[in-house]
Amino acid sequence: MHDRDRQEGGQVIISRLDTADPAYQARRRAMLAKLADLDAEHGKAVAGGGEKYVDRHRRRGKLLARERIELLVDPDSAFLELSPLAAWGSDFPVGASVVTGIGVIEGVECVITASDPTVRGGASNPWTLKKTLRAADIALRNRLPYVNLVESGGADLPTQKEIFIPGGQVFRDLTRLSAAGVPTIALVFGNSTAGGAYVPGMSDYVVMVKERAKVFLGGPPLVKMATGEESDDESLGGAEMHARVSGLADYLAADEHDALRIGRSIVKSLRWRKLGAGPRAVREPRYAAEELRGIVPEDLKVPFDPREVIARIVDGSEFEEFKPLYGPSLVTGWATLHGYPIGILANARGVLFSEEAQKATQFIQLAGQTRTPLLFLQNTTGYMVGKEYEQGGIIKHGAMMINAVSNSTVPHLTVVMGASYGAGNYGMCGRAYDPRFLFAWPSAKSAVMGPAQLAGVLSIVGRQAAQARGQVYDEEADAAMRAMVEAQIEQESLPFFLSGRLYDDGVIDPRDTRTVLGLCLSAINSAAVPEAAGFGVFRP
């Protein structure tokens, strides 16, 4: 059990981390190398379509997507960018031609999406769609006003087969947000064609920039082809036409800065109020966030104590541990983070045994009774296998834990610090279990199992099949297969690969974990505390 010092507000974790230890320094160097790679990939997203297209955009007197966001949100406020690595490893630019995130406008937390017109005119590719749908889901589940900064050429036509049919959900989501009483606001800065036109068409409030915004289902060339009619951009879909004739524009802005000013004014006029719990007094942890960069070993088979992480992210480094002597491979307990009460489940030794699964199940039920949000800190190789454990009921106990996670209605947050393999990913609230937010550290890896184990399983199956056929097993081919499979699984389990497919909401610097979680907890409480719900059948 980790040393703790009892204080009036709880038990303070006494850190055993030795920052002068060569092992710590080695872990820190490995993390810094990964963070340098992360910065480089983020730089690609910020670069948009590249210098040529950025310069052309600026020559037209236009602001870049992130500049628009910066002028929209309150001065010196935080902007939590989401999915910045979307499309990583695909044929499309990193970032997926759209910026999404949570920002504060006139004191109100809002989900903001901004088309990046320097990337193929802001056209939506399959990853743009996934990223946009995720942003809308966050707005709806957390009751956050949704602000779209629009300048889009519609669908990326060469990939229309992957966009057209599922893309209708973008417009469905806008109407569902409005129906749920969550305001939707569109600020239109340039051409918004085809699908791009329906975004303002289905928003509650629409602002268009004079002489710049062009909103139409079909531009002049398409109208000519479809009907033979001759038309021009302004009469067909110009901002003044929509403000004076069609009525699509509620506000006509003189320029981009004016549009952003009007957007801020609209949010202010909402008189938005949070429905959830407010934070208590905030206390900083007793240990430096910088030290989080040296905790996770580069070799994820080497365990680490998650209490060292908890001590550096929770208020006052105070943690009331639950069942500390039972199921020690899973640490559970209560804390506050930026003033918000939370329950924490953190893997200590990777493997989940029956005791850990039962402990987690009880803890999740307790959090449900007190309506306390849960934070899952993942570093798991999955549930234990073997005859002894199968006979001891690992399947039904693991199922109990997954049942509890699946049907718990309190908000869940997940951070993947290290390994996230097998059904451990499920029990510790991976993406399939709908955590409100999920982030990964650069040290994270996730797959059905570790690369060596997966390759080994395939080797055993192949060897047994050859023996059953009475054939001599090809050892050379086996070695080549194992090397190939290990390399493939290693690549596919890395955080950039997974984040590129939106299996998380971003890869973050470990030292930013407390800040990111604090922003998420604040955003979550824009919505009312969810009602309690029942669980499925727990097998005895």
Protein backbone atom coordinates (compact mmCIF):
# COMPACT_ATOMS: atom_id res chain seq x y z
CA MET A 1 0.00 0.00 0.00
CA HIS A 2 1.28 3.45 -0.89
CA ASP A 3 2.28 5.80 1.90
CA ARG A 4 -0.36 8.39 2.74
CA ASP A 5 -0.59 11.21 5.24
CA ARG A 6 -4.06 11.88 6.62
CA GLN A 7 -5.18 15.50 6.45
CA GLU A 8 -8.45 17.19 7.33
CA GLY A 9 -9.59 17.09 3.68
CA GLY A 10 -8.54 13.48 3.04
CA GLN A 11 -5.40 11.39 2.79
CA VAL A 12 -2.42 12.97 1.05
CA ILE A 13 -0.44 10.63 -1.17
CA ILE A 14 3.22 10.65 -0.19
CA SER A 15 5.16 10.35 -3.43
CA ARG A 16 8.03 7.88 -3.70
CA LEU A 17 9.13 9.17 -7.09
CA ASP A 18 12.85 9.92 -7.19
CA THR A 19 13.46 12.37 -10.02
CA ALA A 20 17.22 11.94 -9.65
CA ASP A 21 16.99 8.18 -10.28
CA PRO A 22 18.57 7.19 -13.64
CA ALA A 23 15.48 5.07 -14.35
CA TYR A 24 13.27 8.14 -13.96
CA GLN A 25 15.56 10.13 -16.22
CA ALA A 26 15.43 7.38 -18.86
CA ARG A 27 11.64 7.32 -18.74
CA ARG A 28 11.56 11.10 -19.04
CA ARG A 29 13.88 11.13 -22.07
CA ALA A 30 11.71 8.54 -23.81
CA MET A 31 8.58 10.61 -23.14
CA LEU A 32 10.25 13.82 -24.35
CA ALA A 33 11.16 12.11 -27.61
CA LYS A 34 7.53 11.05 -28.08
CA LEU A 35 6.35 14.58 -27.27
CA ALA A 36 8.70 16.02 -29.89
CA ASP A 37 7.07 13.72 -32.45
CA LEU A 38 3.64 14.83 -31.22
CA ASP A 39 4.55 18.51 -31.63
CA ALA A 40 5.67 17.82 -35.19
CA GLU A 41 2.37 16.15 -36.05
CA HIS A 42 0.37 18.96 -34.44
CA GLY A 43 2.43 21.36 -36.53
CA LYS A 44 1.15 19.65 -39.67
CA ALA A 45 -2.43 20.24 -38.58
CA VAL A 46 -1.76 23.90 -37.79
CA ALA A 47 -0.10 24.35 -41.21
CA GLY A 48 -3.42 23.55 -42.90
CA GLY A 49 -3.13 23.27 -46.66
CA GLY A 50 0.46 24.49 -46.68
CA GLU A 51 2.22 27.80 -47.27
CA LYS A 52 0.91 28.30 -50.82
CA TYR A 53 -2.75 28.03 -49.88
CA VAL A 54 -2.35 29.87 -46.60
CA ASP A 55 -0.75 32.80 -48.43
CA ARG A 56 -3.53 32.81 -51.03
CA HIS A 57 -6.14 32.81 -48.27
CA ARG A 58 -4.43 35.76 -46.56
CA ARG A 59 -4.13 37.72 -49.83
CA ARG A 60 -7.90 37.55 -50.01
CA GLY A 61 -8.00 39.37 -46.68
CA LYS A 62 -9.27 36.36 -44.76
CA LEU A 63 -8.47 35.01 -41.31
CA LEU A 64 -7.29 31.44 -40.81
CA ALA A 65 -9.53 28.95 -38.98
CA ARG A 66 -7.60 29.12 -35.71
CA GLU A 67 -7.41 32.93 -35.92
CA ARG A 68 -11.19 33.06 -36.20
CA ILE A 69 -11.51 30.86 -33.13
CA GLU A 70 -9.01 32.97 -31.19
CA LEU A 71 -11.01 36.14 -31.87
CA LEU A 72 -14.30 34.41 -31.06
CA VAL A 73 -13.41 33.05 -27.62
CA ASP A 74 -12.87 35.17 -24.54
CA PRO A 75 -9.40 36.78 -24.27
CA ASP A 76 -6.85 34.63 -22.42
CA SER A 77 -9.35 31.76 -22.05
CA ALA A 78 -8.46 28.14 -22.76
CA PHE A 79 -9.46 26.40 -25.98
CA LEU A 80 -9.51 22.62 -25.69
CA GLU A 81 -8.84 21.42 -29.24
CA LEU A 82 -10.27 18.01 -30.02
CA SER A 83 -9.03 15.35 -32.44
CA PRO A 84 -6.17 17.46 -33.88
CA LEU A 85 -4.55 14.32 -35.38
CA ALA A 86 -7.69 13.20 -37.25
CA ALA A 87 -6.80 11.58 -40.59
CA TRP A 88 -3.23 10.84 -39.47
CA GLY A 89 -1.85 7.99 -41.56
CA SER A 90 -4.53 8.39 -44.23
CA ASP A 91 -4.42 9.96 -47.70
CA PHE A 92 -5.77 13.22 -46.26
CA PRO A 93 -3.91 16.01 -44.41
CA VAL A 94 -3.54 15.71 -40.65
CA GLY A 95 -6.41 17.59 -38.97
CA ALA A 96 -9.00 16.57 -41.59
CA SER A 97 -9.59 20.14 -42.86
CA VAL A 98 -11.56 21.20 -39.78
CA VAL A 99 -10.73 22.48 -36.29
CA THR A 100 -13.00 21.42 -33.43
CA GLY A 101 -12.89 22.04 -29.71
CA ILE A 102 -14.44 23.59 -26.61
CA GLY A 103 -13.98 27.29 -25.99
CA VAL A 104 -15.47 29.94 -23.72
CA ILE A 105 -17.53 32.67 -25.43
CA GLU A 106 -18.91 35.44 -23.21
CA GLY A 107 -18.38 33.15 -20.24
CA VAL A 108 -20.24 30.24 -21.89
CA GLU A 109 -18.52 26.97 -22.78
CA CYS A 110 -19.35 26.14 -26.40
CA VAL A 111 -18.38 23.49 -28.90
CA ILE A 112 -16.76 25.25 -31.85
CA THR A 113 -16.07 23.86 -35.31
CA ALA A 114 -14.18 25.84 -37.94
CA SER A 115 -13.72 24.77 -41.55
CA ASP A 116 -10.14 25.15 -42.80
CA PRO A 117 -10.55 26.54 -46.34
CA THR A 118 -6.79 26.29 -46.97
CA VAL A 119 -7.24 22.50 -47.22
CA ARG A 120 -9.03 21.72 -50.47
CA GLY A 121 -11.39 24.65 -50.01
CA GLY A 122 -12.63 23.27 -46.70
CA ALA A 123 -14.20 20.28 -48.47
CA SER A 124 -15.29 17.44 -46.19
CA ASN A 125 -13.49 14.12 -46.50
CA PRO A 126 -14.42 10.95 -44.56
CA TRP A 127 -12.31 12.01 -41.57
CA THR A 128 -13.81 15.52 -41.59
CA LEU A 129 -17.19 13.85 -41.27
CA LYS A 130 -16.13 11.65 -38.34
CA LYS A 131 -14.55 14.60 -36.56
CA THR A 132 -17.60 16.83 -37.11
CA LEU A 133 -19.99 14.14 -35.89
CA ARG A 134 -17.89 13.68 -32.75
CA ALA A 135 -18.06 17.43 -32.06
CA ALA A 136 -21.85 17.43 -32.40
CA ASP A 137 -22.12 14.42 -30.09
CA ILE A 138 -20.07 16.24 -27.45
CA ALA A 139 -22.32 19.29 -27.77
CA LEU A 140 -25.51 17.25 -27.36
CA ARG A 141 -24.40 14.98 -24.50
CA ASN A 142 -22.91 17.82 -22.50
CA ARG A 143 -25.50 20.49 -23.44
CA LEU A 144 -22.98 22.91 -24.94
CA PRO A 145 -24.05 25.58 -27.47
CA TYR A 146 -22.69 24.69 -30.90
CA VAL A 147 -20.96 27.33 -33.02
CA ASN A 148 -20.00 26.58 -36.64
CA LEU A 149 -17.49 28.81 -38.43
CA VAL A 150 -18.42 27.88 -41.99
CA GLU A 151 -16.45 28.06 -45.22
CA SER A 152 -16.76 24.76 -47.01
CA GLY A 153 -16.91 23.48 -50.56
CA GLY A 154 -19.16 20.62 -49.44
CA ALA A 155 -18.14 17.00 -49.92
CA ASP A 156 -14.77 15.95 -51.30
CA LEU A 157 -16.28 14.50 -54.47
CA PRO A 158 -13.73 11.73 -55.15
CA THR A 159 -14.68 10.18 -51.78
CA GLN A 160 -18.42 10.90 -51.98
CA LYS A 161 -19.25 7.21 -51.59
CA GLU A 162 -17.90 7.37 -48.03
CA ILE A 163 -19.47 10.74 -47.20
CA PHE A 164 -22.84 11.18 -48.87
CA ILE A 165 -25.01 8.65 -47.04
CA PRO A 166 -23.57 8.93 -43.51
CA GLY A 167 -23.07 12.68 -44.00
CA GLY A 168 -26.77 13.29 -43.55
CA GLN A 169 -26.20 12.82 -39.83
CA VAL A 170 -24.49 16.23 -39.70
CA PHE A 171 -27.80 17.91 -40.49
CA ARG A 172 -29.83 15.53 -38.35
CA ASP A 173 -27.55 16.38 -35.40
CA LEU A 174 -28.11 20.12 -35.90
CA THR A 175 -31.87 19.67 -35.73
CA ARG A 176 -31.63 17.38 -32.70
CA LEU A 177 -29.44 19.87 -30.87
CA SER A 178 -32.02 22.58 -31.52
CA ALA A 179 -34.87 20.29 -30.47
CA ALA A 180 -33.02 19.56 -27.22
CA GLY A 181 -32.79 23.28 -26.52
CA VAL A 182 -29.08 23.50 -27.34
CA PRO A 183 -28.50 26.60 -29.50
CA THR A 184 -26.78 26.22 -32.87
CA ILE A 185 -25.04 29.20 -34.47
CA ALA A 186 -23.50 29.46 -37.95
CA LEU A 187 -21.05 32.20 -38.89
CA VAL A 188 -20.50 32.03 -42.66
CA PHE A 189 -17.26 33.50 -43.97
CA GLY A 190 -17.04 32.33 -47.59
CA ASN A 191 -18.34 29.82 -50.08
CA SER A 192 -20.65 27.27 -48.47
CA THR A 193 -21.83 24.99 -51.21
CA ALA A 194 -24.08 21.93 -51.36
CA GLY A 195 -23.85 20.20 -47.96
CA GLY A 196 -22.06 23.27 -46.65
CA ALA A 197 -25.23 25.27 -47.35
CA TYR A 198 -27.38 23.10 -45.10
CA VAL A 199 -25.28 23.95 -42.03
CA PRO A 200 -26.60 27.54 -41.88
CA GLY A 201 -29.92 26.28 -43.25
CA MET A 202 -30.42 24.12 -40.17
CA SER A 203 -28.88 26.42 -37.54
CA ASP A 204 -30.86 28.53 -35.08
CA TYR A 205 -28.84 31.69 -35.76
CA VAL A 206 -27.05 32.61 -39.01
CA VAL A 207 -24.52 35.39 -39.59
CA MET A 208 -23.12 36.03 -43.09
CA VAL A 209 -20.20 38.22 -44.10
CA LYS A 210 -21.12 40.83 -46.70
CA GLU A 211 -19.60 40.27 -50.17
CA ARG A 212 -17.81 37.15 -48.89
CA ALA A 213 -20.41 34.58 -47.84
CA LYS A 214 -21.88 32.61 -50.72
CA VAL A 215 -24.46 30.01 -49.70
CA PHE A 216 -26.16 27.88 -52.33
CA LEU A 217 -27.10 24.26 -52.93
CA GLY A 218 -25.65 24.51 -56.43
CA GLY A 219 -23.30 27.16 -57.78
CA PRO A 220 -23.74 28.92 -61.14
CA PRO A 221 -22.08 26.11 -63.17
CA LEU A 222 -24.32 23.43 -61.65
CA VAL A 223 -27.44 25.59 -62.10
CA LYS A 224 -26.47 26.12 -65.75
CA MET A 225 -26.08 22.38 -66.26
CA ALA A 226 -29.27 21.46 -64.37
CA THR A 227 -31.69 24.15 -65.60
CA GLY A 228 -29.95 26.19 -68.30
CA GLU A 229 -30.35 29.28 -66.12
CA GLU A 230 -27.64 31.96 -66.19
CA SER A 231 -26.82 33.32 -62.73
CA ASP A 232 -24.05 34.84 -60.67
CA ASP A 233 -22.78 34.12 -57.15
CA GLU A 234 -24.38 37.15 -55.52
CA SER A 235 -27.90 36.77 -56.92
CA LEU A 236 -27.80 33.02 -56.38
CA GLY A 237 -26.45 32.90 -52.85
CA GLY A 238 -24.80 36.14 -51.73
CA ALA A 239 -24.97 37.37 -48.16
CA GLU A 240 -27.05 40.45 -49.04
CA MET A 241 -29.53 38.37 -51.03
CA HIS A 242 -29.95 35.98 -48.10
CA ALA A 243 -30.32 38.89 -45.66
CA ARG A 244 -32.79 40.88 -47.80
CA VAL A 245 -34.59 38.32 -49.99
CA SER A 246 -34.43 34.67 -48.85
CA GLY A 247 -34.25 35.44 -45.13
CA LEU A 248 -31.63 32.73 -44.54
CA ALA A 249 -29.24 35.26 -42.97
CA ASP A 250 -30.34 36.68 -39.62
CA TYR A 251 -27.40 39.09 -39.44
CA LEU A 252 -25.33 40.73 -42.19
CA ALA A 253 -21.76 41.34 -41.01
CA ALA A 254 -19.56 44.02 -42.55
CA ASP A 255 -16.45 41.82 -42.38
CA GLU A 256 -15.03 38.78 -40.59
CA HIS A 257 -14.28 40.68 -37.39
CA ASP A 258 -17.83 42.00 -37.33
CA ALA A 259 -19.20 38.47 -37.84
CA LEU A 260 -17.20 37.24 -34.85
CA ARG A 261 -18.42 40.21 -32.78
CA ILE A 262 -22.02 39.37 -33.69
CA GLY A 263 -21.40 35.73 -32.85
CA ARG A 264 -20.18 36.69 -29.39
CA SER A 265 -23.23 38.93 -28.95
CA ILE A 266 -25.58 36.06 -29.86
CA VAL A 267 -23.99 33.78 -27.27
CA LYS A 268 -24.23 36.55 -24.66
CA SER A 269 -27.93 37.00 -25.44
CA LEU A 270 -28.57 33.30 -24.74
CA ARG A 271 -28.22 33.95 -20.99
CA TRP A 272 -26.99 30.38 -20.77
CA ARG A 273 -26.92 28.69 -17.39
CA LYS A 274 -25.29 25.43 -16.39
CA LEU A 275 -27.58 22.76 -14.96
CA GLY A 276 -24.96 20.54 -13.33
CA ALA A 277 -22.94 20.79 -10.15
CA GLY A 278 -20.55 23.65 -9.55
CA PRO A 279 -16.98 23.18 -8.34
CA ARG A 280 -15.80 23.42 -4.76
CA ALA A 281 -12.68 25.37 -3.81
CA VAL A 282 -9.74 24.40 -6.02
CA ARG A 283 -6.38 23.36 -4.55
CA GLU A 284 -3.27 22.63 -6.55
CA PRO A 285 -1.58 19.22 -6.23
CA ARG A 286 1.45 19.06 -3.93
CA TYR A 287 3.67 17.69 -6.68
CA ALA A 288 4.76 19.19 -9.98
CA ALA A 289 2.92 18.26 -13.17
CA GLU A 290 6.28 18.26 -14.94
CA GLU A 291 7.12 15.04 -13.10
CA LEU A 292 4.35 13.20 -14.97
CA ARG A 293 6.72 13.01 -17.94
CA GLY A 294 8.93 10.51 -16.15
CA ILE A 295 6.48 7.99 -14.69
CA VAL A 296 5.49 5.62 -17.52
CA PRO A 297 8.23 3.15 -18.56
CA GLU A 298 8.98 2.88 -22.27
CA ASP A 299 8.52 -0.89 -21.91
CA LEU A 300 4.85 -1.15 -20.96
CA LYS A 301 5.38 -4.63 -19.52
CA VAL A 302 7.10 -2.88 -16.60
CA PRO A 303 4.41 -1.82 -14.08
CA PHE A 304 4.22 1.62 -12.47
CA ASP A 305 2.23 2.95 -9.54
CA PRO A 306 -0.76 5.02 -10.76
CA ARG A 307 -0.91 6.76 -7.38
CA GLU A 308 2.10 8.76 -8.57
CA VAL A 309 -0.11 10.02 -11.41
CA ILE A 310 -3.10 10.62 -9.14
CA ALA A 311 -0.92 12.61 -6.73
CA ARG A 312 -0.07 15.04 -9.55
CA ILE A 313 -3.55 15.61 -10.97
CA VAL A 314 -6.00 15.73 -8.03
CA ASP A 315 -6.63 18.61 -5.66
CA GLY A 316 -4.20 18.72 -2.75
CA SER A 317 -2.84 15.32 -3.86
CA GLU A 318 -5.57 13.92 -1.58
CA PHE A 319 -7.02 10.51 -2.40
CA GLU A 320 -9.39 8.45 -0.26
CA GLU A 321 -8.55 4.94 -1.43
CA PHE A 322 -11.34 2.37 -1.51
CA LYS A 323 -10.58 -1.28 -0.68
CA PRO A 324 -6.79 -0.74 -0.74
CA LEU A 325 -6.01 -4.29 0.46
CA TYR A 326 -8.36 -6.12 -1.90
CA GLY A 327 -7.69 -6.54 -5.62
CA PRO A 328 -4.47 -4.49 -5.47
CA SER A 329 -3.94 -4.57 -9.25
CA LEU A 330 -6.70 -1.98 -9.52
CA VAL A 331 -6.57 1.24 -7.49
CA THR A 332 -9.96 2.78 -6.71
CA GLY A 333 -10.88 5.80 -4.62
CA TRP A 334 -12.34 9.28 -4.26
CA ALA A 335 -10.79 12.67 -4.92
CA THR A 336 -11.56 16.12 -6.26
CA LEU A 337 -10.12 17.61 -9.44
CA HIS A 338 -10.39 21.35 -10.06
CA GLY A 339 -13.03 21.33 -7.33
CA TYR A 340 -15.17 18.58 -8.87
CA PRO A 341 -15.66 15.30 -6.91
CA ILE A 342 -14.59 12.24 -8.90
CA GLY A 343 -14.14 8.52 -8.45
CA ILE A 344 -10.94 7.07 -9.91
CA LEU A 345 -10.18 3.59 -11.25
CA ALA A 346 -6.52 3.11 -12.17
CA ASN A 347 -4.64 -0.01 -13.23
CA ALA A 348 -1.67 -0.76 -10.98
CA ARG A 349 -0.16 -3.95 -12.42
CA GLY A 350 -1.82 -4.26 -15.79
CA VAL A 351 -3.68 -7.56 -15.32
CA LEU A 352 -7.25 -7.60 -14.02
CA PHE A 353 -8.11 -10.60 -11.82
CA SER A 354 -11.51 -11.62 -10.45
CA GLU A 355 -10.94 -9.60 -7.27
CA GLU A 356 -10.19 -6.44 -9.26
CA ALA A 357 -13.25 -6.93 -11.44
CA GLN A 358 -15.55 -7.38 -8.43
CA LYS A 359 -13.97 -4.42 -6.66
CA ALA A 360 -14.50 -2.24 -9.76
CA THR A 361 -18.12 -3.35 -10.05
CA GLN A 362 -18.90 -2.34 -6.47
CA PHE A 363 -17.04 0.95 -6.83
CA ILE A 364 -18.90 1.89 -10.02
CA GLN A 365 -22.21 1.14 -8.29
CA LEU A 366 -21.21 3.34 -5.35
CA ALA A 367 -20.36 6.20 -7.73
CA GLY A 368 -23.79 5.76 -9.27
CA GLN A 369 -25.47 6.12 -5.89
CA THR A 370 -23.71 9.42 -5.17
CA ARG A 371 -23.87 10.57 -8.84
CA THR A 372 -20.09 11.02 -8.89
CA PRO A 373 -18.28 11.16 -12.27
CA LEU A 374 -15.68 8.45 -12.87
CA LEU A 375 -12.14 8.79 -14.18
CA PHE A 376 -10.52 5.70 -15.70
CA LEU A 377 -6.70 5.72 -15.87
CA GLN A 378 -5.83 2.87 -18.21
CA ASN A 379 -2.72 0.70 -18.18
CA THR A 380 -4.07 -2.81 -18.64
CA THR A 381 -3.10 -5.95 -20.50
CA GLY A 382 -6.63 -7.32 -19.99
CA TYR A 383 -8.29 -9.94 -17.81
CA MET A 384 -6.22 -12.86 -16.53
CA VAL A 385 -6.32 -16.11 -18.51
CA GLY A 386 -5.47 -19.68 -17.53
CA LYS A 387 -7.22 -22.77 -16.12
CA GLU A 388 -7.15 -21.59 -12.51
CA TYR A 389 -8.68 -18.24 -13.38
CA GLU A 390 -11.25 -19.63 -15.80
CA GLN A 391 -12.41 -22.07 -13.12
CA GLY A 392 -12.42 -19.22 -10.61
CA GLY A 393 -14.95 -17.30 -12.72
CA ILE A 394 -12.87 -14.65 -14.51
CA ILE A 395 -15.38 -14.53 -17.39
CA LYS A 396 -18.40 -13.80 -15.22
CA HIS A 397 -16.45 -11.39 -12.99
CA GLY A 398 -15.07 -9.53 -15.99
CA ALA A 399 -18.58 -9.48 -17.40
CA MET A 400 -19.85 -7.95 -14.15
CA MET A 401 -17.33 -5.12 -14.46
CA ILE A 402 -18.16 -4.51 -18.12
CA ASN A 403 -21.88 -4.62 -17.26
CA ALA A 404 -21.33 -1.99 -14.59
CA VAL A 405 -19.32 0.27 -16.91
CA SER A 406 -21.85 -0.16 -19.73
CA ASN A 407 -24.88 0.79 -17.66
CA SER A 408 -23.40 3.39 -15.34
CA THR A 409 -25.02 6.74 -16.17
CA VAL A 410 -22.64 9.09 -14.40
CA PRO A 411 -20.20 10.88 -16.73
CA HIS A 412 -17.05 8.90 -17.52
CA LEU A 413 -13.63 10.29 -18.47
CA THR A 414 -10.81 8.05 -19.70
CA VAL A 415 -7.07 8.60 -20.05
CA VAL A 416 -4.96 5.89 -21.66
CA MET A 417 -1.55 6.21 -20.01
CA GLY A 418 0.06 2.95 -21.12
CA ALA A 419 -1.27 -0.39 -22.34
CA SER A 420 -4.91 -0.83 -23.29
CA TYR A 421 -5.22 -4.40 -24.50
CA GLY A 422 -8.01 -6.94 -24.85
CA ALA A 423 -11.19 -6.76 -22.83
CA GLY A 424 -9.32 -4.59 -20.33
CA ASN A 425 -9.94 -1.76 -22.79
CA TYR A 426 -13.66 -2.44 -22.43
CA GLY A 427 -13.78 -2.84 -18.65
CA MET A 428 -11.75 0.35 -18.22
CA CYS A 429 -14.19 2.33 -20.39
CA GLY A 430 -12.59 2.42 -23.82
CA ARG A 431 -14.10 4.27 -26.77
CA ALA A 432 -16.81 1.67 -27.37
CA TYR A 433 -18.24 2.41 -23.91
CA ASP A 434 -18.96 6.08 -24.65
CA PRO A 435 -16.89 8.02 -22.12
CA ARG A 436 -17.75 11.70 -22.37
CA PHE A 437 -14.08 12.33 -23.25
CA LEU A 438 -11.13 10.03 -23.90
CA PHE A 439 -7.51 11.16 -24.18
CA ALA A 440 -4.24 9.30 -24.60
CA TRP A 441 -0.66 9.95 -23.56
CA PRO A 442 2.10 9.53 -26.17
CA SER A 443 3.11 6.36 -24.28
CA ALA A 444 -0.25 4.67 -24.90
CA LYS A 445 -0.76 1.51 -26.95
CA SER A 446 -4.01 -0.29 -27.70
CA ALA A 447 -4.86 -3.52 -29.53
CA VAL A 448 -6.61 -6.85 -29.07
CA MET A 449 -3.36 -8.02 -27.41
CA GLY A 450 0.34 -7.20 -27.40
CA PRO A 451 2.19 -7.59 -30.74
CA ALA A 452 4.37 -10.50 -29.54
CA GLN A 453 1.40 -12.33 -28.01
CA LEU A 454 -0.73 -11.91 -31.13
CA ALA A 455 2.06 -13.13 -33.42
CA GLY A 456 2.69 -16.03 -31.04
CA VAL A 457 -0.95 -17.07 -31.09
CA LEU A 458 -0.96 -17.11 -34.90
CA SER A 459 2.25 -19.16 -34.84
CA ILE A 460 0.77 -21.76 -32.46
CA VAL A 461 -2.42 -22.04 -34.54
CA GLY A 462 -0.39 -22.46 -37.73
CA ARG A 463 1.87 -25.06 -36.15
CA GLN A 464 -1.09 -27.08 -34.88
CA ALA A 465 -2.77 -26.94 -38.30
CA ALA A 466 0.39 -28.24 -40.00
CA GLN A 467 0.68 -31.08 -37.50
CA ALA A 468 -2.96 -32.03 -38.05
CA ARG A 469 -2.27 -32.31 -41.77
CA GLY A 470 0.90 -34.32 -41.15
CA GLN A 471 3.08 -31.61 -42.67
CA VAL A 472 6.47 -30.32 -41.56
CA TYR A 473 6.10 -26.81 -40.18
CA ASP A 474 8.07 -24.14 -42.07
CA GLU A 475 10.07 -22.49 -39.28
CA GLU A 476 11.61 -19.88 -41.60
CA ALA A 477 8.22 -18.79 -42.88
CA ASP A 478 6.95 -18.76 -39.29
CA ALA A 479 9.74 -16.39 -38.21
CA ALA A 480 9.00 -14.08 -41.14
CA MET A 481 5.28 -14.14 -40.36
CA ARG A 482 5.85 -13.33 -36.71
CA ALA A 483 8.14 -10.43 -37.54
CA MET A 484 5.65 -9.02 -40.04
CA VAL A 485 2.66 -9.37 -37.70
CA GLU A 486 4.52 -7.87 -34.74
CA ALA A 487 5.55 -4.87 -36.83
CA GLN A 488 1.99 -4.40 -38.12
CA ILE A 489 0.34 -4.64 -34.70
CA GLU A 490 2.98 -2.39 -33.15
CA GLN A 491 2.24 0.27 -35.77
CA GLU A 492 -1.53 -0.08 -35.44
CA SER A 493 -1.45 0.13 -31.65
CA LEU A 494 0.41 3.45 -31.50
CA PRO A 495 -1.42 6.56 -30.27
CA PHE A 496 -1.03 8.61 -33.49
CA PHE A 497 -2.60 5.79 -35.52
CA LEU A 498 -5.51 5.42 -33.09
CA SER A 499 -6.04 9.15 -32.69
CA GLY A 500 -6.03 9.55 -36.47
CA ARG A 501 -9.06 7.25 -36.54
CA LEU A 502 -10.76 9.24 -33.75
CA TYR A 503 -10.57 6.42 -31.22
CA ASP A 504 -9.70 9.17 -28.74
CA ASP A 505 -10.25 12.92 -28.49
CA GLY A 506 -6.56 13.74 -28.67
CA VAL A 507 -3.05 12.75 -27.62
CA ILE A 508 -1.98 15.04 -24.79
CA ASP A 509 1.20 15.96 -22.93
CA PRO A 510 1.01 14.15 -19.54
CA ARG A 511 1.66 17.40 -17.68
CA ASP A 512 -1.55 18.87 -19.24
CA THR A 513 -3.70 16.03 -17.88
CA ARG A 514 -5.07 17.93 -14.89
CA THR A 515 -5.95 20.98 -16.99
CA VAL A 516 -7.60 18.93 -19.73
CA LEU A 517 -9.65 16.92 -17.24
CA GLY A 518 -10.66 20.10 -15.41
CA LEU A 519 -11.94 21.62 -18.64
CA CYS A 520 -13.85 18.43 -19.39
CA LEU A 521 -15.42 18.26 -15.93
CA SER A 522 -16.53 21.87 -16.25
CA ALA A 523 -18.02 21.20 -19.70
CA ILE A 524 -19.81 18.08 -18.49
CA ASN A 525 -21.60 20.11 -15.86
CA SER A 526 -23.28 22.31 -18.42
CA ALA A 527 -25.78 19.45 -18.54
CA ALA A 528 -27.89 18.27 -15.63
CA VAL A 529 -26.66 15.32 -13.59
CA PRO A 530 -28.00 12.24 -15.44
CA GLU A 531 -30.69 10.14 -13.82
CA ALA A 532 -29.68 6.81 -12.32
CA ALA A 533 -30.40 3.69 -14.33
CA GLY A 534 -30.49 -0.02 -13.66
CA PHE A 535 -27.94 -2.69 -14.51
CA GLY A 536 -28.19 -5.91 -16.44
CA VAL A 537 -28.17 -9.29 -14.71
CA PHE A 538 -24.99 -9.92 -12.71
CA ARG A 539 -24.10 -13.63 -12.86
CA PRO A 540 -23.48 -15.06 -9.35
